[in-house]
Protein backbone atom coordinates (compact mmCIF):
# COMPACT_ATOMS: atom_id res chain seq x y z
CA MET A 1 50.19 -18.63 32.69
CA GLU A 2 47.98 -19.38 35.68
CA ARG A 3 44.36 -20.02 34.83
CA LEU A 4 42.00 -18.12 37.10
CA ILE A 5 38.93 -20.10 36.14
CA ASN A 6 38.93 -23.86 35.79
CA PHE A 7 36.11 -24.63 33.39
CA ASP A 8 36.21 -28.34 34.27
CA ASP A 9 35.04 -27.54 37.79
CA PHE A 10 33.25 -24.24 37.20
CA SER A 11 31.34 -22.64 40.07
CA LEU A 12 29.95 -19.25 39.15
CA TYR A 13 29.93 -18.06 42.74
CA LYS A 14 33.32 -19.34 43.90
CA ASP A 15 35.10 -18.40 40.68
CA PHE A 16 33.61 -14.91 40.85
CA GLU A 17 35.00 -14.57 44.41
CA LYS A 18 38.45 -15.67 43.21
CA LEU A 19 38.33 -13.22 40.33
CA VAL A 20 37.38 -10.32 42.62
CA GLN A 21 40.18 -11.27 45.00
CA LYS A 22 42.62 -11.24 42.07
CA ILE A 23 41.39 -7.76 41.05
CA PHE A 24 42.16 -6.53 44.57
CA GLU A 25 45.64 -8.06 44.41
CA LEU A 26 46.39 -6.58 40.99
CA ASN A 27 45.45 -3.19 42.39
CA GLY A 28 47.97 -3.38 45.24
CA PHE A 29 46.02 -5.09 48.02
CA LYS A 30 47.34 -8.01 50.02
CA THR A 31 44.54 -10.51 50.57
CA GLU A 32 43.94 -13.40 52.93
CA ILE A 33 41.10 -15.91 52.99
CA PRO A 34 39.87 -16.82 56.50
CA SER A 35 40.42 -20.41 57.64
CA LYS A 36 36.68 -20.91 58.21
CA ASP A 37 33.43 -19.13 57.32
CA LYS A 38 33.43 -15.87 59.21
CA GLY A 39 30.81 -13.82 57.35
CA PHE A 40 33.24 -12.41 54.80
CA ASP A 41 35.16 -13.89 51.87
CA PHE A 42 38.60 -12.37 52.40
CA GLN A 43 40.56 -9.69 54.19
CA ALA A 44 42.29 -7.01 52.14
CA THR A 45 45.09 -4.72 53.27
CA TYR A 46 46.47 -1.72 51.42
CA GLU A 47 49.16 0.33 53.17
CA ASN A 48 47.53 1.15 56.55
CA THR A 49 43.98 0.32 55.50
CA PHE A 50 42.38 -2.99 56.47
CA ALA A 51 39.06 -4.23 55.05
CA TYR A 52 36.73 -7.18 55.31
CA VAL A 53 35.41 -8.03 51.86
CA GLU A 54 32.24 -9.94 51.05
CA VAL A 55 31.57 -10.91 47.44
CA LYS A 56 28.10 -11.64 46.11
CA PHE A 57 27.26 -12.90 42.64
CA TYR A 58 23.69 -12.06 41.64
CA LYS A 59 22.30 -13.33 38.35
CA SER A 60 20.20 -10.22 37.81
CA LYS A 61 21.41 -6.82 36.60
CA LEU A 62 19.92 -5.18 39.69
CA PRO A 63 20.13 -7.04 43.02
CA LYS A 64 17.03 -7.60 45.11
CA LEU A 65 17.06 -5.08 47.92
CA ASP A 66 16.41 -7.65 50.65
CA LEU A 67 19.37 -9.80 49.50
CA LEU A 68 21.61 -6.75 49.39
CA ARG A 69 20.55 -5.73 52.90
CA GLN A 70 21.11 -9.25 54.20
CA ALA A 71 24.63 -9.27 52.71
CA TYR A 72 25.73 -5.92 54.12
CA ARG A 73 24.21 -6.62 57.55
CA ARG A 74 26.10 -9.92 57.75
CA LEU A 75 29.29 -8.11 56.80
CA LEU A 76 28.56 -5.40 59.37
CA SER A 77 28.50 -8.05 62.10
CA GLN A 78 32.22 -8.67 61.41
CA LYS A 79 33.38 -5.16 62.20
CA ASP A 80 35.75 -5.44 65.15
CA SER A 81 37.43 -2.05 64.99
CA GLU A 82 36.48 1.47 64.06
CA TYR A 83 39.48 1.43 61.70
CA SER A 84 38.40 -1.60 59.63
CA LYS A 85 36.58 -0.96 56.39
CA LEU A 86 33.72 -3.12 55.15
CA ILE A 87 33.45 -3.65 51.40
CA LEU A 88 30.59 -5.47 49.71
CA VAL A 89 31.39 -6.37 46.10
CA VAL A 90 28.37 -7.30 43.99
CA SER A 91 28.10 -8.50 40.41
CA SER A 92 25.12 -6.27 39.72
CA TYR A 93 24.63 -2.56 39.25
CA VAL A 94 23.73 -0.57 42.38
CA THR A 95 22.50 2.99 42.03
CA PRO A 96 24.66 5.73 43.55
CA SER A 97 21.79 6.78 45.83
CA LEU A 98 21.44 3.22 47.19
CA LYS A 99 25.21 2.97 47.74
CA ASP A 100 25.04 6.26 49.70
CA GLU A 101 22.06 5.05 51.72
CA ILE A 102 23.83 1.80 52.65
CA PHE A 103 27.02 3.65 53.57
CA LYS A 104 25.16 6.19 55.75
CA GLU A 105 23.18 3.44 57.48
CA SER A 106 26.00 0.96 58.03
CA GLY A 107 29.39 2.26 56.90
CA VAL A 108 29.56 -0.55 54.30
CA ILE A 109 31.14 0.48 51.00
CA VAL A 110 29.45 -1.11 47.98
CA TRP A 111 31.51 -1.84 44.88
CA ASP A 112 29.32 -2.78 41.96
CA VAL A 113 30.02 -3.97 38.43
CA LYS A 114 30.40 -0.40 37.17
CA LEU A 115 33.25 0.28 39.59
CA TYR A 116 35.38 -2.82 39.41
CA LEU A 117 35.10 -3.23 35.65
CA HIS A 118 36.78 0.17 35.38
CA LEU A 119 39.66 -0.61 37.75
CA PRO A 120 42.95 -1.02 35.97
CA LEU A 121 43.29 -4.61 34.82
CA THR A 122 46.88 -5.48 34.11
CA THR A 123 46.47 -8.90 32.56
CA ARG A 124 44.68 -9.94 29.43
CA GLN A 125 43.80 -13.28 31.06
CA LEU A 126 41.95 -11.50 33.87
CA THR A 127 40.01 -9.38 31.39
CA MET A 128 39.01 -12.50 29.46
CA ASN A 129 37.91 -14.24 32.67
CA LEU A 130 35.69 -11.30 33.61
CA LYS A 131 33.84 -11.63 30.29
CA VAL A 132 32.62 -15.07 31.38
CA PHE A 133 30.38 -13.40 33.97
CA TYR A 134 28.88 -10.72 31.70
């Protein structure tokens, strides 16, 4: 079985990005990592929907508002089509009202810990790897 997290060379931030990417893939998305830093971590495609995805690991339960704004504004700068979606995945909890405010202001969809921990996880290994972060 493939190990998602290599504890010999553990990077909280990079391994969290890999884990989020794997969650997307297990839920039917095709993903692709850009060849160089482009302001997002990976592209995700599901049927006819294309999204740029940025993943942020915050050590606090609630992210600092200025860091959250900086992340979604950087992601917003990548939008090259009215049809592309922008998804910001954060390790913290974001209130529904703040998610709505960000979406209304920028069109960026925020997925927080509450959302992606409830997505169907099809492998026990993935579930165990998620526990490392919480």
